């Protein structure tokens, strides 16, 4: 019995360590994106499937998320598309589509929010700095029906109180102190 408990305990430690390591690697992979020059471009692109991406020098906020996860071998284009094919009625109908579109669905904030929620990745929304950890995905309402998404980095604000956000809100893939600059409407921790 002691041997079994010891193995169970060690297994739990390995699992926790792997989980933490994943989110640190996600934050690191996202930080690498800030070194690449990207022009904000919300255009519709026809892209390959799976593992399709818009041109490397173009993108929007969702492309930061897609590219960061893809660096860790997780294709959110494919995952969102497959979930939407199987559960289309569960996703927002904002764009008037009658079926999934593998070129754009994963590039829409409300669809990513739905996907992350459906995967059990949703966390509490708070105004507490310490609740937002590196690798967390955060979504905001910028006003009206304009949504936005970013990833919590492992770099701290100048005052050391909160982690900075990696996002693209129009100036390319950047690192900024903006966690509480807008109304938070989603908080996720998704390991794919």
N, C-alpha and C. Protein backbone atom coordinates (compact mmCIF):
# COMPACT_ATOMS: atom_id res chain seq x y z
N UNK A 1 0.82 -1.20 0.00
CA UNK A 1 0.00 0.00 0.00
C UNK A 1 0.87 1.26 0.00
N UNK A 2 1.97 1.25 0.81
CA UNK A 2 2.86 2.41 0.87
C UNK A 2 3.49 2.66 -0.50
N UNK A 3 3.88 1.56 -1.17
CA UNK A 3 4.50 1.69 -2.48
C UNK A 3 3.51 2.33 -3.47
N UNK A 4 2.26 1.90 -3.42
CA UNK A 4 1.22 2.43 -4.29
C UNK A 4 1.02 3.93 -4.02
N UNK A 5 0.94 4.33 -2.75
CA UNK A 5 0.76 5.73 -2.39
C UNK A 5 1.95 6.58 -2.84
N UNK A 6 3.15 6.03 -2.72
CA UNK A 6 4.35 6.74 -3.14
C UNK A 6 4.32 6.97 -4.66
N UNK A 7 3.94 5.95 -5.41
CA UNK A 7 3.85 6.07 -6.87
C UNK A 7 2.78 7.09 -7.24
N UNK A 8 1.64 7.05 -6.56
CA UNK A 8 0.56 7.99 -6.82
C UNK A 8 1.01 9.42 -6.54
N UNK A 9 1.74 9.62 -5.43
CA UNK A 9 2.24 10.95 -5.06
C UNK A 9 3.24 11.45 -6.11
N UNK A 10 4.19 10.60 -6.51
CA UNK A 10 5.18 11.00 -7.51
C UNK A 10 4.53 11.30 -8.85
N UNK A 11 3.54 10.50 -9.21
CA UNK A 11 2.81 10.73 -10.45
C UNK A 11 2.12 12.09 -10.41
N UNK A 12 1.55 12.43 -9.27
CA UNK A 12 0.89 13.72 -9.11
C UNK A 12 1.90 14.87 -9.25
N UNK A 13 3.08 14.71 -8.66
CA UNK A 13 4.11 15.76 -8.76
C UNK A 13 4.56 15.94 -10.20
N UNK A 14 4.77 14.85 -10.91
CA UNK A 14 5.18 14.92 -12.31
C UNK A 14 4.10 15.62 -13.13
N UNK A 15 2.84 15.26 -12.89
CA UNK A 15 1.73 15.87 -13.61
C UNK A 15 1.66 17.37 -13.36
N UNK A 16 1.81 17.78 -12.09
CA UNK A 16 1.77 19.20 -11.76
C UNK A 16 2.94 19.92 -12.40
N UNK A 17 4.13 19.32 -12.36
CA UNK A 17 5.32 19.93 -12.94
C UNK A 17 5.16 20.08 -14.45
N UNK A 18 4.64 19.05 -15.11
CA UNK A 18 4.43 19.11 -16.55
C UNK A 18 3.44 20.21 -16.88
N UNK A 19 2.35 20.30 -16.10
CA UNK A 19 1.33 21.32 -16.34
C UNK A 19 1.91 22.71 -16.23
N UNK A 20 2.68 22.98 -15.17
CA UNK A 20 3.29 24.28 -14.99
C UNK A 20 4.28 24.56 -16.12
N UNK A 21 5.07 23.56 -16.48
CA UNK A 21 6.04 23.71 -17.55
C UNK A 21 5.36 24.07 -18.87
N UNK A 22 4.22 23.48 -19.16
CA UNK A 22 3.50 23.77 -20.39
C UNK A 22 3.17 25.26 -20.47
N UNK A 23 2.63 25.81 -19.40
CA UNK A 23 2.20 27.21 -19.41
C UNK A 23 3.39 28.17 -19.49
N UNK A 24 4.51 27.80 -18.88
CA UNK A 24 5.72 28.61 -19.02
C UNK A 24 6.21 28.58 -20.46
N UNK A 25 6.17 27.40 -21.07
CA UNK A 25 6.59 27.28 -22.48
C UNK A 25 5.64 28.04 -23.40
N UNK A 26 4.34 28.03 -23.07
CA UNK A 26 3.37 28.79 -23.86
C UNK A 26 3.67 30.28 -23.76
N UNK A 27 3.93 30.76 -22.54
CA UNK A 27 4.27 32.17 -22.36
C UNK A 27 5.56 32.51 -23.11
N UNK A 28 6.54 31.61 -23.06
CA UNK A 28 7.81 31.84 -23.78
C UNK A 28 7.58 31.86 -25.29
N UNK A 29 6.77 30.91 -25.79
CA UNK A 29 6.53 30.86 -27.24
C UNK A 29 5.79 32.10 -27.70
N UNK A 30 4.95 32.62 -26.86
CA UNK A 30 4.23 33.84 -27.19
C UNK A 30 5.17 35.04 -27.19
N UNK A 31 6.09 35.08 -26.23
CA UNK A 31 7.05 36.19 -26.16
C UNK A 31 7.90 36.25 -27.42
N UNK A 32 8.27 35.09 -27.97
CA UNK A 32 9.06 35.04 -29.20
C UNK A 32 8.32 35.78 -30.32
N UNK A 33 7.00 35.70 -30.31
CA UNK A 33 6.21 36.36 -31.35
C UNK A 33 6.38 37.87 -31.35
N UNK A 34 6.70 38.45 -30.18
CA UNK A 34 6.86 39.91 -30.12
C UNK A 34 8.10 40.38 -30.87
N UNK A 35 8.97 39.45 -31.22
CA UNK A 35 10.19 39.79 -31.96
C UNK A 35 9.96 39.81 -33.46
N UNK A 36 8.78 39.37 -33.89
CA UNK A 36 8.46 39.31 -35.32
C UNK A 36 7.61 40.52 -35.70
N UNK A 37 7.93 41.14 -36.81
CA UNK A 37 7.16 42.29 -37.28
C UNK A 37 5.88 41.78 -37.95
N UNK A 38 4.75 42.21 -37.40
CA UNK A 38 3.46 41.80 -37.93
C UNK A 38 2.57 43.03 -38.08
N UNK A 39 1.99 43.16 -39.26
CA UNK A 39 1.04 44.24 -39.54
C UNK A 39 -0.36 43.76 -39.16
N UNK A 40 -1.10 44.60 -38.44
CA UNK A 40 -2.47 44.24 -38.07
C UNK A 40 -3.30 44.19 -39.35
N UNK A 41 -3.90 43.03 -39.61
CA UNK A 41 -4.68 42.86 -40.84
C UNK A 41 -5.82 41.87 -40.58
N UNK A 42 -7.05 42.39 -40.45
CA UNK A 42 -8.19 41.52 -40.17
C UNK A 42 -8.82 40.89 -41.41
N UNK A 43 -8.14 40.95 -42.54
CA UNK A 43 -8.69 40.41 -43.78
C UNK A 43 -9.00 38.92 -43.67
N UNK A 44 -9.96 38.50 -44.47
CA UNK A 44 -10.26 37.07 -44.62
C UNK A 44 -9.21 36.49 -45.56
N UNK A 45 -8.60 35.38 -45.13
CA UNK A 45 -7.62 34.69 -45.95
C UNK A 45 -8.07 33.24 -46.15
N UNK A 46 -7.88 32.70 -47.33
CA UNK A 46 -8.04 31.28 -47.56
C UNK A 46 -6.70 30.64 -47.20
N UNK A 47 -6.75 29.71 -46.25
CA UNK A 47 -5.51 29.13 -45.73
C UNK A 47 -5.58 27.61 -45.78
N UNK A 48 -4.43 26.95 -45.77
CA UNK A 48 -4.42 25.47 -45.76
C UNK A 48 -5.08 24.95 -44.48
N UNK A 49 -5.45 23.69 -44.52
CA UNK A 49 -6.01 23.01 -43.35
C UNK A 49 -5.53 21.57 -43.36
N UNK A 50 -5.09 21.04 -42.22
CA UNK A 50 -4.84 21.73 -40.95
C UNK A 50 -3.53 22.51 -40.97
N UNK A 51 -3.21 23.12 -39.84
CA UNK A 51 -1.98 23.90 -39.65
C UNK A 51 -1.86 25.09 -40.59
N UNK A 52 -2.99 25.65 -41.00
CA UNK A 52 -2.97 26.82 -41.86
C UNK A 52 -2.71 28.09 -41.06
N UNK A 53 -2.11 29.06 -41.71
CA UNK A 53 -1.88 30.34 -41.06
C UNK A 53 -1.94 31.43 -42.12
N UNK A 54 -2.32 32.62 -41.67
CA UNK A 54 -2.29 33.78 -42.56
C UNK A 54 -0.82 34.10 -42.82
N UNK A 55 -0.52 34.98 -43.79
CA UNK A 55 0.89 35.33 -44.03
C UNK A 55 1.59 35.73 -42.73
N UNK A 56 2.84 35.33 -42.58
CA UNK A 56 3.59 35.51 -41.33
C UNK A 56 3.72 36.96 -40.90
N UNK A 57 3.63 37.89 -41.85
CA UNK A 57 3.78 39.31 -41.51
C UNK A 57 2.44 40.01 -41.30
N UNK A 58 1.37 39.21 -41.19
CA UNK A 58 0.02 39.77 -40.98
C UNK A 58 -0.64 39.03 -39.82
N UNK A 59 -1.68 39.67 -39.25
CA UNK A 59 -2.41 38.99 -38.20
C UNK A 59 -3.22 39.93 -37.33
N UNK A 60 -3.98 39.32 -36.45
CA UNK A 60 -4.82 40.03 -35.47
C UNK A 60 -4.59 39.39 -34.11
N UNK A 61 -5.38 39.78 -33.13
CA UNK A 61 -5.18 39.28 -31.77
C UNK A 61 -5.27 37.75 -31.68
N UNK A 62 -6.22 37.16 -32.38
CA UNK A 62 -6.38 35.71 -32.30
C UNK A 62 -5.19 34.98 -32.90
N UNK A 63 -4.54 35.59 -33.88
CA UNK A 63 -3.38 34.94 -34.49
C UNK A 63 -2.23 34.81 -33.51
N UNK A 64 -2.13 35.71 -32.54
CA UNK A 64 -1.12 35.59 -31.49
C UNK A 64 -1.36 34.27 -30.73
N UNK A 65 -2.60 34.01 -30.38
CA UNK A 65 -2.96 32.80 -29.63
C UNK A 65 -2.68 31.56 -30.49
N UNK A 66 -3.17 31.58 -31.73
CA UNK A 66 -3.01 30.44 -32.64
C UNK A 66 -1.52 30.12 -32.82
N UNK A 67 -0.72 31.14 -33.06
CA UNK A 67 0.71 30.93 -33.31
C UNK A 67 1.46 30.46 -32.07
N UNK A 68 1.10 30.98 -30.91
CA UNK A 68 1.76 30.55 -29.67
C UNK A 68 1.48 29.08 -29.39
N UNK A 69 0.22 28.67 -29.52
CA UNK A 69 -0.12 27.26 -29.29
C UNK A 69 0.51 26.36 -30.35
N UNK A 70 0.56 26.84 -31.58
CA UNK A 70 1.13 26.02 -32.66
C UNK A 70 2.62 25.76 -32.41
N UNK A 71 3.32 26.70 -31.79
CA UNK A 71 4.73 26.49 -31.46
C UNK A 71 4.91 25.32 -30.50
N UNK A 72 3.84 24.96 -29.78
CA UNK A 72 3.89 23.82 -28.85
C UNK A 72 3.21 22.59 -29.45
N UNK A 73 2.94 22.63 -30.75
CA UNK A 73 2.38 21.47 -31.44
C UNK A 73 0.87 21.34 -31.34
N UNK A 74 0.18 22.41 -30.94
CA UNK A 74 -1.28 22.37 -30.81
C UNK A 74 -1.89 23.25 -31.88
N UNK A 75 -2.69 22.64 -32.74
CA UNK A 75 -3.30 23.33 -33.87
C UNK A 75 -4.74 23.72 -33.50
N UNK A 76 -4.92 24.95 -33.02
CA UNK A 76 -6.26 25.41 -32.65
C UNK A 76 -7.16 25.56 -33.87
N UNK A 77 -6.59 25.77 -35.04
CA UNK A 77 -7.42 25.81 -36.25
C UNK A 77 -8.17 24.48 -36.38
N UNK A 78 -7.45 23.38 -36.29
CA UNK A 78 -8.05 22.06 -36.44
C UNK A 78 -8.98 21.74 -35.26
N UNK A 79 -8.53 22.02 -34.05
CA UNK A 79 -9.33 21.69 -32.87
C UNK A 79 -10.65 22.44 -32.85
N UNK A 80 -10.61 23.75 -33.14
CA UNK A 80 -11.85 24.54 -33.16
C UNK A 80 -12.74 24.06 -34.30
N UNK A 81 -12.16 23.83 -35.47
CA UNK A 81 -12.96 23.39 -36.61
C UNK A 81 -13.65 22.05 -36.33
N UNK A 82 -12.93 21.10 -35.77
CA UNK A 82 -13.53 19.80 -35.48
C UNK A 82 -14.64 19.92 -34.44
N UNK A 83 -14.41 20.74 -33.41
CA UNK A 83 -15.45 20.92 -32.40
C UNK A 83 -16.66 21.64 -32.98
N UNK A 84 -16.43 22.60 -33.85
CA UNK A 84 -17.55 23.31 -34.47
C UNK A 84 -18.33 22.39 -35.41
N UNK A 85 -17.64 21.53 -36.14
CA UNK A 85 -18.34 20.58 -37.03
C UNK A 85 -19.26 19.68 -36.22
N UNK A 86 -18.79 19.22 -35.07
CA UNK A 86 -19.57 18.30 -34.23
C UNK A 86 -20.60 19.02 -33.37
N UNK A 87 -20.41 20.31 -33.10
CA UNK A 87 -21.26 21.03 -32.15
C UNK A 87 -21.58 22.44 -32.63
N UNK A 88 -21.89 22.60 -33.89
CA UNK A 88 -22.07 23.92 -34.48
C UNK A 88 -23.09 24.77 -33.72
N UNK A 89 -24.13 24.15 -33.23
CA UNK A 89 -25.20 24.90 -32.54
C UNK A 89 -24.72 25.52 -31.22
N UNK A 90 -23.60 25.08 -30.70
CA UNK A 90 -23.08 25.60 -29.43
C UNK A 90 -22.26 26.88 -29.62
N UNK A 91 -21.92 27.21 -30.85
CA UNK A 91 -21.08 28.36 -31.14
C UNK A 91 -21.90 29.59 -31.52
N UNK A 92 -21.34 30.79 -31.31
CA UNK A 92 -22.07 32.02 -31.63
C UNK A 92 -22.46 32.08 -33.10
N UNK A 93 -23.57 32.75 -33.36
CA UNK A 93 -24.08 32.90 -34.73
C UNK A 93 -23.96 34.35 -35.19
N UNK A 94 -22.93 35.01 -34.76
CA UNK A 94 -22.73 36.45 -35.01
C UNK A 94 -22.52 36.75 -36.48
N UNK A 95 -21.90 35.84 -37.23
CA UNK A 95 -21.46 36.13 -38.58
C UNK A 95 -22.38 35.57 -39.66
N UNK A 96 -23.50 34.99 -39.27
CA UNK A 96 -24.47 34.50 -40.24
C UNK A 96 -24.06 33.25 -40.99
N UNK A 97 -23.10 32.51 -40.47
CA UNK A 97 -22.67 31.28 -41.13
C UNK A 97 -23.68 30.16 -40.87
N UNK A 98 -23.77 29.25 -41.82
CA UNK A 98 -24.65 28.08 -41.65
C UNK A 98 -23.85 26.80 -41.41
N UNK A 99 -22.52 26.94 -41.49
CA UNK A 99 -21.64 25.80 -41.23
C UNK A 99 -20.25 26.35 -40.88
N UNK A 100 -19.40 25.52 -40.31
CA UNK A 100 -18.05 25.99 -39.96
C UNK A 100 -17.24 26.40 -41.19
N UNK A 101 -16.30 27.31 -40.97
CA UNK A 101 -15.39 27.77 -42.02
C UNK A 101 -13.96 27.65 -41.48
N UNK A 102 -13.24 26.66 -41.95
CA UNK A 102 -11.90 26.36 -41.43
C UNK A 102 -10.89 27.48 -41.66
N UNK A 103 -11.22 28.45 -42.51
CA UNK A 103 -10.32 29.57 -42.79
C UNK A 103 -10.39 30.67 -41.73
N UNK A 104 -11.50 30.79 -41.03
CA UNK A 104 -11.70 31.96 -40.18
C UNK A 104 -12.22 31.66 -38.77
N UNK A 105 -12.89 30.54 -38.56
CA UNK A 105 -13.54 30.30 -37.27
C UNK A 105 -12.60 30.41 -36.07
N UNK A 106 -11.40 29.89 -36.19
CA UNK A 106 -10.43 29.93 -35.08
C UNK A 106 -9.84 31.33 -34.91
N UNK A 107 -10.10 32.23 -35.83
CA UNK A 107 -9.57 33.58 -35.77
C UNK A 107 -10.60 34.57 -35.21
N UNK A 108 -11.64 34.05 -34.59
CA UNK A 108 -12.69 34.89 -34.00
C UNK A 108 -12.71 34.68 -32.49
N UNK A 109 -12.60 35.77 -31.74
CA UNK A 109 -12.52 35.70 -30.28
C UNK A 109 -13.70 34.94 -29.68
N UNK A 110 -14.96 35.25 -30.03
CA UNK A 110 -16.07 34.51 -29.41
C UNK A 110 -16.00 32.99 -29.65
N UNK A 111 -15.47 32.58 -30.80
CA UNK A 111 -15.33 31.14 -31.06
C UNK A 111 -14.25 30.53 -30.17
N UNK A 112 -13.13 31.22 -30.00
CA UNK A 112 -12.09 30.71 -29.11
C UNK A 112 -12.60 30.64 -27.68
N UNK A 113 -13.36 31.65 -27.25
CA UNK A 113 -13.93 31.64 -25.90
C UNK A 113 -14.85 30.42 -25.73
N UNK A 114 -15.68 30.17 -26.73
CA UNK A 114 -16.59 29.02 -26.66
C UNK A 114 -15.80 27.73 -26.62
N UNK A 115 -14.80 27.61 -27.48
CA UNK A 115 -13.99 26.40 -27.51
C UNK A 115 -13.31 26.16 -26.16
N UNK A 116 -12.63 27.17 -25.62
CA UNK A 116 -11.94 27.02 -24.33
C UNK A 116 -12.93 26.66 -23.23
N UNK A 117 -14.08 27.28 -23.23
CA UNK A 117 -15.11 26.96 -22.21
C UNK A 117 -15.58 25.52 -22.36
N UNK A 118 -15.80 25.10 -23.58
CA UNK A 118 -16.27 23.73 -23.82
C UNK A 118 -15.22 22.69 -23.42
N UNK A 119 -13.96 23.09 -23.40
CA UNK A 119 -12.89 22.16 -23.02
C UNK A 119 -12.64 22.17 -21.51
N UNK A 120 -13.43 22.92 -20.76
CA UNK A 120 -13.27 22.97 -19.31
C UNK A 120 -12.09 23.81 -18.87
N UNK A 121 -11.68 24.76 -19.68
CA UNK A 121 -10.49 25.56 -19.40
C UNK A 121 -10.79 26.91 -18.76
N UNK A 122 -12.06 27.17 -18.48
CA UNK A 122 -12.47 28.48 -17.98
C UNK A 122 -12.08 28.69 -16.52
N UNK A 123 -11.54 29.87 -16.22
CA UNK A 123 -11.18 30.27 -14.86
C UNK A 123 -12.02 31.47 -14.44
N UNK A 124 -11.97 31.78 -13.17
CA UNK A 124 -12.72 32.93 -12.65
C UNK A 124 -12.15 34.23 -13.20
N UNK A 125 -13.05 35.18 -13.39
CA UNK A 125 -12.66 36.53 -13.78
C UNK A 125 -12.63 37.34 -12.49
N UNK A 126 -11.47 37.93 -12.20
CA UNK A 126 -11.32 38.72 -10.98
C UNK A 126 -10.56 40.00 -11.31
N UNK A 127 -10.41 40.85 -10.33
CA UNK A 127 -9.58 42.05 -10.45
C UNK A 127 -8.32 41.88 -9.62
N UNK A 128 -7.98 40.62 -9.31
CA UNK A 128 -6.81 40.31 -8.50
C UNK A 128 -5.65 39.93 -9.41
N UNK A 129 -4.57 40.72 -9.36
CA UNK A 129 -3.38 40.47 -10.20
C UNK A 129 -2.88 39.05 -10.11
N UNK A 130 -2.88 38.48 -8.91
CA UNK A 130 -2.26 37.17 -8.70
C UNK A 130 -3.07 36.03 -9.28
N UNK A 131 -4.29 36.28 -9.73
CA UNK A 131 -5.11 35.23 -10.33
C UNK A 131 -4.75 34.97 -11.79
N UNK A 132 -3.95 35.84 -12.38
CA UNK A 132 -3.59 35.73 -13.78
C UNK A 132 -2.13 35.31 -13.90
N UNK A 133 -1.92 34.09 -14.37
CA UNK A 133 -0.59 33.46 -14.40
C UNK A 133 -0.07 33.36 -15.84
N UNK A 134 1.26 33.24 -15.99
CA UNK A 134 1.83 33.07 -17.33
C UNK A 134 1.18 31.89 -18.07
N UNK A 135 0.85 32.14 -19.32
CA UNK A 135 0.20 31.12 -20.15
C UNK A 135 -1.32 31.19 -20.12
N UNK A 136 -1.89 31.98 -19.22
CA UNK A 136 -3.36 32.15 -19.20
C UNK A 136 -3.77 32.94 -20.44
N UNK A 137 -4.95 32.63 -20.95
CA UNK A 137 -5.54 33.38 -22.06
C UNK A 137 -6.61 34.28 -21.45
N UNK A 138 -6.58 35.55 -21.84
CA UNK A 138 -7.55 36.53 -21.32
C UNK A 138 -8.27 37.17 -22.49
N UNK A 139 -9.59 37.36 -22.32
CA UNK A 139 -10.41 38.02 -23.33
C UNK A 139 -11.05 39.27 -22.73
N UNK A 140 -11.19 40.29 -23.56
CA UNK A 140 -11.75 41.56 -23.12
C UNK A 140 -12.85 42.00 -24.06
N UNK A 141 -13.72 42.87 -23.53
CA UNK A 141 -14.66 43.62 -24.35
C UNK A 141 -14.08 45.03 -24.43
N UNK A 142 -13.83 45.50 -25.64
CA UNK A 142 -13.24 46.82 -25.84
C UNK A 142 -14.29 47.90 -25.92
N UNK A 143 -15.56 47.51 -25.91
CA UNK A 143 -16.67 48.44 -26.03
C UNK A 143 -17.60 47.97 -27.13
N UNK A 144 -18.88 48.07 -26.88
CA UNK A 144 -19.85 47.57 -27.86
C UNK A 144 -19.69 46.08 -28.01
N UNK A 145 -19.57 45.61 -29.23
CA UNK A 145 -19.41 44.17 -29.45
C UNK A 145 -17.99 43.83 -29.91
N UNK A 146 -17.03 44.70 -29.62
CA UNK A 146 -15.65 44.47 -30.04
C UNK A 146 -14.92 43.68 -28.95
N UNK A 147 -14.46 42.48 -29.33
CA UNK A 147 -13.77 41.61 -28.38
C UNK A 147 -12.28 41.55 -28.73
N UNK A 148 -11.51 41.12 -27.74
CA UNK A 148 -10.05 41.09 -27.89
C UNK A 148 -9.51 39.93 -27.06
N UNK A 149 -8.32 39.42 -27.42
CA UNK A 149 -7.73 38.28 -26.72
C UNK A 149 -6.21 38.43 -26.65
N UNK A 150 -5.62 37.91 -25.58
CA UNK A 150 -4.18 37.94 -25.41
C UNK A 150 -3.73 36.84 -24.46
N UNK A 151 -2.43 36.71 -24.30
CA UNK A 151 -1.86 35.70 -23.40
C UNK A 151 -1.03 36.41 -22.32
N UNK A 152 -1.16 35.93 -21.10
CA UNK A 152 -0.37 36.46 -19.99
C UNK A 152 1.08 35.98 -20.17
N UNK A 153 2.00 36.93 -20.15
CA UNK A 153 3.42 36.60 -20.32
C UNK A 153 4.03 36.22 -18.97
N UNK A 154 5.32 35.91 -18.98
CA UNK A 154 6.02 35.66 -17.72
C UNK A 154 6.91 36.86 -17.37
N UNK A 155 6.63 38.00 -17.98
CA UNK A 155 7.33 39.26 -17.69
C UNK A 155 6.41 40.12 -16.83
N UNK A 156 7.00 40.77 -15.81
CA UNK A 156 6.21 41.59 -14.88
C UNK A 156 6.17 43.06 -15.30
N UNK A 157 5.14 43.73 -14.83
CA UNK A 157 4.99 45.18 -15.02
C UNK A 157 6.13 45.89 -14.29
N UNK A 158 6.42 47.14 -14.66
CA UNK A 158 7.51 47.87 -14.01
C UNK A 158 7.38 47.93 -12.48
N UNK A 159 6.15 47.96 -11.97
CA UNK A 159 5.97 48.00 -10.51
C UNK A 159 6.00 46.60 -9.88
N UNK A 160 6.14 45.55 -10.73
CA UNK A 160 6.24 44.18 -10.24
C UNK A 160 4.95 43.58 -9.72
N UNK A 161 3.81 44.25 -9.96
CA UNK A 161 2.54 43.80 -9.38
C UNK A 161 1.76 42.83 -10.25
N UNK A 162 1.99 42.83 -11.54
CA UNK A 162 1.20 41.96 -12.44
C UNK A 162 2.04 41.58 -13.65
N UNK A 163 1.60 40.49 -14.29
CA UNK A 163 2.27 40.06 -15.51
C UNK A 163 1.79 40.90 -16.69
N UNK A 164 2.66 41.10 -17.64
CA UNK A 164 2.33 41.83 -18.86
C UNK A 164 1.58 40.90 -19.82
N UNK A 165 0.91 41.50 -20.78
CA UNK A 165 0.09 40.77 -21.76
C UNK A 165 0.76 40.83 -23.13
N UNK A 166 0.71 39.72 -23.85
CA UNK A 166 1.16 39.68 -25.24
C UNK A 166 -0.09 39.61 -26.10
N UNK A 167 -0.24 40.60 -27.00
CA UNK A 167 -1.46 40.69 -27.81
C UNK A 167 -1.17 41.50 -29.07
N UNK A 168 -2.17 41.62 -29.91
CA UNK A 168 -2.09 42.46 -31.11
C UNK A 168 -3.40 43.24 -31.18
N UNK A 169 -3.31 44.49 -30.78
CA UNK A 169 -4.51 45.33 -30.79
C UNK A 169 -4.41 46.40 -31.87
N UNK A 170 -3.44 46.25 -32.76
CA UNK A 170 -3.29 47.17 -33.88
C UNK A 170 -1.85 47.55 -34.16
N UNK A 171 -0.97 47.33 -33.21
CA UNK A 171 0.44 47.72 -33.38
C UNK A 171 1.35 46.51 -33.54
N UNK A 172 0.79 45.38 -33.95
CA UNK A 172 1.57 44.16 -34.08
C UNK A 172 1.56 43.36 -32.80
N UNK A 173 2.35 42.32 -32.77
CA UNK A 173 2.42 41.41 -31.61
C UNK A 173 3.33 42.05 -30.57
N UNK A 174 2.73 42.59 -29.51
CA UNK A 174 3.49 43.39 -28.54
C UNK A 174 3.27 42.90 -27.11
N UNK A 175 4.17 43.32 -26.24
CA UNK A 175 4.14 43.06 -24.81
C UNK A 175 3.74 44.36 -24.13
N UNK A 176 2.60 44.34 -23.39
CA UNK A 176 2.11 45.58 -22.77
C UNK A 176 1.52 45.31 -21.39
N UNK A 177 1.48 46.36 -20.60
CA UNK A 177 0.86 46.33 -19.28
C UNK A 177 -0.59 46.76 -19.43
N UNK A 178 -1.46 45.81 -19.80
CA UNK A 178 -2.85 46.18 -20.11
C UNK A 178 -3.88 45.19 -19.57
N UNK A 179 -3.50 44.37 -18.59
CA UNK A 179 -4.41 43.35 -18.09
C UNK A 179 -5.77 43.93 -17.70
N UNK A 180 -5.76 45.04 -16.98
CA UNK A 180 -7.02 45.62 -16.51
C UNK A 180 -7.40 46.89 -17.26
N UNK A 181 -6.87 47.08 -18.45
CA UNK A 181 -7.18 48.28 -19.24
C UNK A 181 -8.57 48.22 -19.86
N UNK A 182 -9.11 47.02 -20.02
CA UNK A 182 -10.42 46.83 -20.62
C UNK A 182 -11.22 45.88 -19.73
N UNK A 183 -12.49 45.72 -20.02
CA UNK A 183 -13.34 44.82 -19.25
C UNK A 183 -13.04 43.37 -19.61
N UNK A 184 -12.58 42.61 -18.64
CA UNK A 184 -12.27 41.19 -18.87
C UNK A 184 -13.58 40.41 -18.96
N UNK A 185 -13.71 39.61 -20.03
CA UNK A 185 -14.92 38.81 -20.24
C UNK A 185 -14.60 37.31 -20.33
N UNK A 186 -13.32 36.96 -20.28
CA UNK A 186 -12.93 35.56 -20.34
C UNK A 186 -11.55 35.36 -19.76
N UNK A 187 -11.37 34.22 -19.07
CA UNK A 187 -10.07 33.87 -18.47
C UNK A 187 -9.95 32.35 -18.57
N UNK A 188 -8.91 31.87 -19.25
CA UNK A 188 -8.77 30.45 -19.55
C UNK A 188 -7.35 29.97 -19.30
N UNK A 189 -7.26 28.69 -18.98
CA UNK A 189 -5.97 28.01 -18.83
C UNK A 189 -6.12 26.70 -19.59
N UNK A 190 -5.62 26.68 -20.82
CA UNK A 190 -5.87 25.56 -21.74
C UNK A 190 -4.56 24.91 -22.16
N UNK A 191 -4.45 23.62 -21.92
CA UNK A 191 -3.21 22.92 -22.28
C UNK A 191 -3.34 22.06 -23.52
N UNK A 192 -4.43 22.24 -24.24
CA UNK A 192 -4.58 21.55 -25.51
C UNK A 192 -4.94 20.10 -25.37
